[in-house]
C-alpha atoms as a PDB file:
ATOM      1  CA  MET A   1       0.000   0.000   0.000  1.00  0.00           C
ATOM      2  CA  ARG A   2       1.495   3.303  -1.122  1.00  0.00           C
ATOM      3  CA  HIS A   3       1.129   6.308   1.179  1.00  0.00           C
ATOM      4  CA  HIS A   4       0.836   9.836  -0.182  1.00  0.00           C
ATOM      5  CA  LYS A   5       1.443  13.127   1.567  1.00  0.00           C
ATOM      6  CA  LEU A   6       0.049  16.608   1.068  1.00  0.00           C
ATOM      7  CA  VAL A   7       1.439  19.590   3.004  1.00  0.00           C
ATOM      8  CA  ARG A   8      -0.144  23.015   2.848  1.00  0.00           C
ATOM      9  CA  GLU A   9       0.756  26.121   4.807  1.00  0.00           C
ATOM     10  CA  GLN A  10      -0.854  29.520   5.044  1.00  0.00           C
ATOM     11  CA  ARG A  11      -0.637  32.613   7.191  1.00  0.00           C
ATOM     12  CA  LEU A  12      -3.641  33.855   9.127  1.00  0.00           C
ATOM     13  CA  PRO A  13      -3.789  37.342  10.662  1.00  0.00           C
ATOM     14  CA  GLN A  14      -5.235  36.088  13.970  1.00  0.00           C
ATOM     15  CA  PRO A  15      -3.114  34.742  16.858  1.00  0.00           C
ATOM     16  CA  PRO A  16      -2.993  30.914  17.144  1.00  0.00           C
ATOM     17  CA  GLU A  17      -5.613  30.621  19.897  1.00  0.00           C
ATOM     18  CA  GLU A  18      -8.124  32.622  17.851  1.00  0.00           C
ATOM     19  CA  ALA A  19      -7.301  30.917  14.541  1.00  0.00           C
ATOM     20  CA  PHE A  20      -7.543  27.519  16.218  1.00  0.00           C
ATOM     21  CA  GLY A  21     -10.949  28.471  17.646  1.00  0.00           C
ATOM     22  CA  PHE A  22     -12.527  28.476  14.191  1.00  0.00           C
ATOM     23  CA  PHE A  23     -11.373  24.898  13.610  1.00  0.00           C
ATOM     24  CA  ALA A  24     -12.469  23.845  17.097  1.00  0.00           C
ATOM     25  CA  ASP A  25     -16.032  23.891  15.742  1.00  0.00           C
ATOM     26  CA  ALA A  26     -16.370  20.846  13.479  1.00  0.00           C
ATOM     27  CA  LEU A  27     -19.428  22.398  11.826  1.00  0.00           C
ATOM     28  CA  ASN A  28     -17.180  25.093  10.311  1.00  0.00           C
ATOM     29  CA  LEU A  29     -15.728  22.412   8.042  1.00  0.00           C
ATOM     30  CA  GLU A  30     -18.814  22.789   5.848  1.00  0.00           C
ATOM     31  CA  ALA A  31     -17.910  26.456   5.210  1.00  0.00           C
ATOM     32  CA  ILE A  32     -14.444  25.647   3.852  1.00  0.00           C
ATOM     33  CA  THR A  33     -15.230  22.503   1.837  1.00  0.00           C
ATOM     34  CA  PRO A  34     -15.850  22.852  -1.917  1.00  0.00           C
ATOM     35  CA  PRO A  35     -19.536  22.868  -2.868  1.00  0.00           C
ATOM     36  CA  TRP A  36     -18.965  20.146  -5.483  1.00  0.00           C
ATOM     37  CA  LEU A  37     -18.441  17.671  -2.624  1.00  0.00           C
ATOM     38  CA  GLN A  38     -21.918  18.394  -1.154  1.00  0.00           C
ATOM     39  CA  PHE A  39     -20.263  17.953   2.233  1.00  0.00           C
ATOM     40  CA  GLU A  40     -22.373  17.758   5.382  1.00  0.00           C
ATOM     41  CA  VAL A  41     -21.514  17.058   9.002  1.00  0.00           C
ATOM     42  CA  THR A  42     -24.140  14.534  10.161  1.00  0.00           C
ATOM     43  CA  THR A  43     -23.106  14.329  13.818  1.00  0.00           C
ATOM     44  CA  PRO A  44     -25.553  16.479  15.766  1.00  0.00           C
ATOM     45  CA  GLY A  45     -24.012  19.642  17.210  1.00  0.00           C
ATOM     46  CA  PRO A  46     -22.618  21.040  19.271  1.00  0.00           C
ATOM     47  CA  ILE A  47     -19.696  18.636  19.004  1.00  0.00           C
ATOM     48  CA  GLU A  48     -17.315  18.646  21.964  1.00  0.00           C
ATOM     49  CA  MET A  49     -13.851  18.369  20.476  1.00  0.00           C
ATOM     50  CA  ARG A  50     -11.341  16.306  22.454  1.00  0.00           C
ATOM     51  CA  PRO A  51      -9.302  13.133  21.961  1.00  0.00           C
ATOM     52  CA  GLY A  52     -11.723  10.358  21.082  1.00  0.00           C
ATOM     53  CA  THR A  53     -14.460  12.570  19.609  1.00  0.00           C
ATOM     54  CA  LEU A  54     -16.199  10.783  16.733  1.00  0.00           C
ATOM     55  CA  ILE A  55     -17.588  12.789  13.819  1.00  0.00           C
ATOM     56  CA  ASP A  56     -19.656  11.604  10.867  1.00  0.00           C
ATOM     57  CA  TYR A  57     -19.840  13.283   7.469  1.00  0.00           C
ATOM     58  CA  ARG A  58     -21.719  12.722   4.259  1.00  0.00           C
ATOM     59  CA  LEU A  59     -20.370  13.858   0.891  1.00  0.00           C
ATOM     60  CA  ARG A  60     -20.277  13.018  -2.794  1.00  0.00           C
ATOM     61  CA  ILE A  61     -17.107  12.163  -4.678  1.00  0.00           C
ATOM     62  CA  HIS A  62     -17.675  12.443  -8.414  1.00  0.00           C
ATOM     63  CA  GLY A  63     -21.382  12.012  -7.707  1.00  0.00           C
ATOM     64  CA  VAL A  64     -20.934   8.862  -5.612  1.00  0.00           C
ATOM     65  CA  PRO A  65     -22.409   9.170  -2.093  1.00  0.00           C
ATOM     66  CA  VAL A  66     -19.833   8.533   0.624  1.00  0.00           C
ATOM     67  CA  ARG A  67     -20.085   8.325   4.383  1.00  0.00           C
ATOM     68  CA  TRP A  68     -17.011   9.273   6.391  1.00  0.00           C
ATOM     69  CA  HIS A  69     -16.442   8.400  10.044  1.00  0.00           C
ATOM     70  CA  ALA A  70     -13.530  10.165  11.757  1.00  0.00           C
ATOM     71  CA  ARG A  71     -11.969  10.309  15.173  1.00  0.00           C
ATOM     72  CA  ILE A  72     -10.020  13.114  16.834  1.00  0.00           C
ATOM     73  CA  ASP A  73      -6.811  11.409  17.998  1.00  0.00           C
ATOM     74  CA  VAL A  74      -4.934  14.484  19.278  1.00  0.00           C
ATOM     75  CA  TRP A  75      -6.442  17.694  20.656  1.00  0.00           C
ATOM     76  CA  GLU A  76      -4.078  20.436  21.863  1.00  0.00           C
ATOM     77  CA  PRO A  77      -6.070  23.717  21.865  1.00  0.00           C
ATOM     78  CA  GLY A  78      -4.234  26.601  20.244  1.00  0.00           C
ATOM     79  CA  ARG A  79      -1.537  24.277  18.927  1.00  0.00           C
ATOM     80  CA  ARG A  80      -2.687  21.264  16.926  1.00  0.00           C
ATOM     81  CA  PHE A  81      -5.181  18.519  16.414  1.00  0.00           C
ATOM     82  CA  VAL A  82      -5.234  15.305  14.436  1.00  0.00           C
ATOM     83  CA  ASP A  83      -8.210  13.639  12.812  1.00  0.00           C
ATOM     84  CA  ARG A  84      -8.141  10.145  11.377  1.00  0.00           C
ATOM     85  CA  GLN A  85     -10.629   8.440   9.112  1.00  0.00           C
ATOM     86  CA  LEU A  86     -12.000   5.261  10.681  1.00  0.00           C
ATOM     87  CA  ARG A  87     -14.359   4.487   7.792  1.00  0.00           C
ATOM     88  CA  GLY A  88     -14.581   6.191   4.421  1.00  0.00           C
ATOM     89  CA  PRO A  89     -13.143   6.303   0.920  1.00  0.00           C
ATOM     90  CA  TYR A  90      -9.473   6.004   1.881  1.00  0.00           C
ATOM     91  CA  ARG A  91      -7.579   3.093   3.322  1.00  0.00           C
ATOM     92  CA  VAL A  92      -5.682   5.666   5.422  1.00  0.00           C
ATOM     93  CA  TRP A  93      -6.467   9.345   6.058  1.00  0.00           C
ATOM     94  CA  HIS A  94      -4.466  11.031   8.812  1.00  0.00           C
ATOM     95  CA  HIS A  95      -4.764  14.832   8.928  1.00  0.00           C
ATOM     96  CA  THR A  96      -2.640  16.956  11.266  1.00  0.00           C
ATOM     97  CA  HIS A  97      -3.639  20.609  11.697  1.00  0.00           C
ATOM     98  CA  GLN A  98      -0.866  22.744  13.249  1.00  0.00           C
ATOM     99  CA  PHE A  99      -1.052  26.351  14.434  1.00  0.00           C
ATOM    100  CA  GLU A 100       2.096  28.340  15.306  1.00  0.00           C
ATOM    101  CA  ALA A 101       2.649  31.995  16.153  1.00  0.00           C
ATOM    102  CA  ASP A 102       4.358  33.642  13.199  1.00  0.00           C
ATOM    103  CA  GLY A 103       6.132  36.369  15.210  1.00  0.00           C
ATOM    104  CA  ARG A 104       4.006  39.107  13.600  1.00  0.00           C
ATOM    105  CA  GLY A 105       0.837  38.667  15.663  1.00  0.00           C
ATOM    106  CA  GLY A 106      -0.604  36.072  13.300  1.00  0.00           C
ATOM    107  CA  THR A 107      -0.532  32.336  12.794  1.00  0.00           C
ATOM    108  CA  THR A 108       1.148  29.929  10.440  1.00  0.00           C
ATOM    109  CA  MET A 109      -1.372  27.176   9.867  1.00  0.00           C
ATOM    110  CA  ARG A 110      -0.070  23.917   8.409  1.00  0.00           C
ATOM    111  CA  ASP A 111      -2.075  20.946   7.152  1.00  0.00           C
ATOM    112  CA  VAL A 112      -0.238  17.649   6.792  1.00  0.00           C
ATOM    113  CA  VAL A 113      -2.324  14.888   5.248  1.00  0.00           C
ATOM    114  CA  ARG A 114      -1.065  11.342   4.895  1.00  0.00           C
ATOM    115  CA  TYR A 115      -3.359   9.135   2.885  1.00  0.00           C
ATOM    116  CA  ALA A 116      -3.495   5.821   1.075  1.00  0.00           C
ATOM    117  CA  LEU A 117      -6.061   4.336  -1.250  1.00  0.00           C
ATOM    118  CA  PRO A 118      -7.640   0.896  -1.220  1.00  0.00           C
ATOM    119  CA  LEU A 119      -7.836  -1.486  -4.204  1.00  0.00           C
ATOM    120  CA  GLY A 120      -4.125  -2.000  -4.888  1.00  0.00           C
ATOM    121  CA  ILE A 121      -3.203  -1.211  -8.489  1.00  0.00           C
ATOM    122  CA  LEU A 122      -6.677   0.208  -9.189  1.00  0.00           C
ATOM    123  CA  GLY A 123      -6.252   2.623  -6.278  1.00  0.00           C
ATOM    124  CA  ALA A 124      -2.809   3.594  -7.590  1.00  0.00           C
ATOM    125  CA  LEU A 125      -4.277   4.262 -11.026  1.00  0.00           C
ATOM    126  CA  ALA A 126      -7.145   6.286  -9.516  1.00  0.00           C
ATOM    127  CA  HIS A 127      -4.586   8.356  -7.611  1.00  0.00           C
ATOM    128  CA  VAL A 128      -2.737   9.215 -10.810  1.00  0.00           C
ATOM    129  CA  LEU A 129      -5.911   9.877 -12.807  1.00  0.00           C
ATOM    130  CA  PHE A 130      -7.921  11.976 -10.347  1.00  0.00           C
ATOM    131  CA  VAL A 131      -7.492  11.448  -6.588  1.00  0.00           C
ATOM    132  CA  ARG A 132      -4.271  13.451  -6.210  1.00  0.00           C
ATOM    133  CA  ARG A 133      -5.770  16.299  -8.241  1.00  0.00           C
ATOM    134  CA  ASP A 134      -9.026  16.140  -6.235  1.00  0.00           C
ATOM    135  CA  VAL A 135      -7.205  16.300  -2.887  1.00  0.00           C
ATOM    136  CA  GLU A 136      -5.148  19.257  -4.118  1.00  0.00           C
ATOM    137  CA  ARG A 137      -8.305  21.033  -5.390  1.00  0.00           C
ATOM    138  CA  ILE A 138     -10.012  20.513  -2.034  1.00  0.00           C
ATOM    139  CA  PHE A 139      -7.114  22.105  -0.178  1.00  0.00           C
ATOM    140  CA  ASP A 140      -6.812  24.914  -2.761  1.00  0.00           C
ATOM    141  CA  HIS A 141     -10.477  25.700  -2.129  1.00  0.00           C
ATOM    142  CA  ARG A 142      -9.948  25.530   1.639  1.00  0.00           C
ATOM    143  CA  ARG A 143      -7.061  27.993   1.388  1.00  0.00           C
ATOM    144  CA  GLN A 144      -9.213  30.520  -0.462  1.00  0.00           C
ATOM    145  CA  ALA A 145     -12.223  30.032   1.827  1.00  0.00           C
ATOM    146  CA  ILE A 146     -10.045  30.397   4.941  1.00  0.00           C
ATOM    147  CA  GLU A 147      -8.431  33.560   3.548  1.00  0.00           C
ATOM    148  CA  ARG A 148     -11.886  35.082   2.942  1.00  0.00           C
ATOM    149  CA  LEU A 149     -13.100  34.108   6.408  1.00  0.00           C
ATOM    150  CA  ALA A 150      -9.895  35.307   8.109  1.00  0.00           C
ATOM    151  CA  ALA A 151     -10.102  38.655   6.310  1.00  0.00           C
ATOM    152  CA  SER A 152     -13.710  39.105   7.401  1.00  0.00           C
ATOM    153  CA  ARG A 153     -12.772  38.376  11.061  1.00  0.00           C
ATOM    154  CA  ALA A 154      -9.697  40.623  11.114  1.00  0.00           C
END
């Protein structure tokens, strides 16, 4: 099974505790996910975020309905958290969100996603044909949505 890695970094004008606060609300994920995924958090809110929190999502990938079940493995307010897919479209999905003071009153936010696909050679082919591009497009959209939201909160 081949693992892939995506790393994205962006600066936010808010200090880490404030920037982290937006992501502490799992329902805010809907606001930064591309509309073409028809993403919806199905776990009733409010969701108390902590290690062990389970969150369910529903989305569509290329029109195919998908259910996603994730767990918060690490929760360090103001600093980082890690979510891991327990059930969903990937064999492995491990997403670390890091927040660090940038020395200018803002935050450097870093996403590190490690993922692997099921189905052996078919999964590898899917990665080359569209999965890698889809994951990159999702995080490109997130970057733009977060920039708009951060600017409106500044």
